[in-house]
Amino acid sequence: MTLKELIATIAKGLVDHPDQVSVREIESDNNALIELRVAREDIGKVIGRDGRTAQAMRTVLTAASSKLGRRSHLDILD
């Protein structure tokens, strides 16, 4: 499973409109930037209270990417 697929799977499980989840991966050298877009009404579900859900997604992403010997960053776009 790629990092992009990992974030898409997690996000689709959290939102009410999984068909509107869009994930884009921008790669450079040893880094990856993952951009996540969801429906406007689902943004709160992805971010969570005090950003806890977003931080948990970033933690999982960091663990998965370090296993691949890479660095990654997750941006949640609206």
Protein backbone atom coordinates (compact mmCIF):
# COMPACT_ATOMS: atom_id res chain seq x y z
CA MET A 1 0.00 0.00 0.00
CA THR A 2 1.38 3.40 -0.94
CA LEU A 3 1.32 6.38 1.39
CA LYS A 4 -1.34 7.99 -0.80
CA GLU A 5 -3.58 4.91 -0.54
CA LEU A 6 -3.04 4.73 3.22
CA ILE A 7 -4.27 8.29 3.78
CA ALA A 8 -7.18 7.81 1.35
CA THR A 9 -8.30 4.66 3.18
CA ILE A 10 -8.19 6.35 6.58
CA ALA A 11 -9.98 9.48 5.34
CA LYS A 12 -12.74 7.53 3.57
CA GLY A 13 -13.47 5.72 6.82
CA LEU A 14 -13.93 9.01 8.67
CA VAL A 15 -16.12 11.06 6.35
CA ASP A 16 -19.79 11.01 5.29
CA HIS A 17 -18.93 11.53 1.60
CA PRO A 18 -16.09 9.11 0.79
CA ASP A 19 -16.58 9.67 -2.94
CA GLN A 20 -15.35 13.25 -2.49
CA VAL A 21 -12.04 12.26 -0.87
CA SER A 22 -9.11 13.26 -3.05
CA VAL A 23 -5.46 12.55 -2.25
CA ARG A 24 -2.49 13.83 -4.21
CA GLU A 25 1.12 12.88 -3.59
CA ILE A 26 3.94 15.22 -4.57
CA GLU A 27 7.32 13.50 -4.46
CA SER A 28 10.80 14.95 -4.36
CA ASP A 29 14.09 13.20 -3.61
CA ASN A 30 13.40 11.43 -0.32
CA ASN A 31 10.33 13.47 0.70
CA ALA A 32 6.63 13.22 -0.02
CA LEU A 33 3.91 15.81 0.43
CA ILE A 34 0.45 14.30 0.73
CA GLU A 35 -2.45 16.67 0.04
CA LEU A 36 -5.87 15.58 1.30
CA ARG A 37 -9.13 17.17 0.16
CA VAL A 38 -12.56 16.26 1.49
CA ALA A 39 -16.06 17.72 1.21
CA ARG A 40 -16.47 21.00 3.08
CA GLU A 41 -18.89 19.47 5.59
CA ASP A 42 -16.43 16.64 6.35
CA ILE A 43 -13.40 18.81 7.13
CA GLY A 44 -14.15 18.80 10.86
CA LYS A 45 -14.27 15.01 10.94
CA VAL A 46 -10.85 14.75 9.34
CA ILE A 47 -9.28 17.37 11.59
CA GLY A 48 -11.02 16.25 14.78
CA ARG A 49 -11.34 17.97 18.13
CA ASP A 50 -8.26 20.11 18.76
CA GLY A 51 -6.67 18.54 15.66
CA ARG A 52 -6.27 15.13 17.28
CA THR A 53 -7.53 13.11 14.32
CA ALA A 54 -5.28 14.99 11.90
CA GLN A 55 -2.32 14.50 14.25
CA ALA A 56 -3.06 10.78 14.50
CA MET A 57 -3.14 10.53 10.69
CA ARG A 58 0.20 12.35 10.53
CA THR A 59 1.67 9.96 13.11
CA VAL A 60 0.58 6.90 11.11
CA LEU A 61 1.91 8.50 7.93
CA THR A 62 5.27 9.26 9.57
CA ALA A 63 5.57 5.69 10.84
CA ALA A 64 4.73 4.21 7.43
CA SER A 65 7.07 6.53 5.55
CA SER A 66 9.98 5.98 7.93
CA LYS A 67 9.60 2.26 7.34
CA LEU A 68 10.15 3.04 3.64
CA GLY A 69 13.15 5.23 4.48
CA ARG A 70 11.37 8.43 3.47
CA ARG A 71 9.94 11.56 5.07
CA SER A 72 6.42 12.76 4.54
CA HIS A 73 4.09 15.59 5.42
CA LEU A 74 0.28 15.68 5.35
CA ASP A 75 -1.60 18.83 4.33
CA ILE A 76 -5.38 18.94 4.72
CA LEU A 77 -6.77 21.37 2.16
CA ASP A 78 -10.22 22.94 2.03
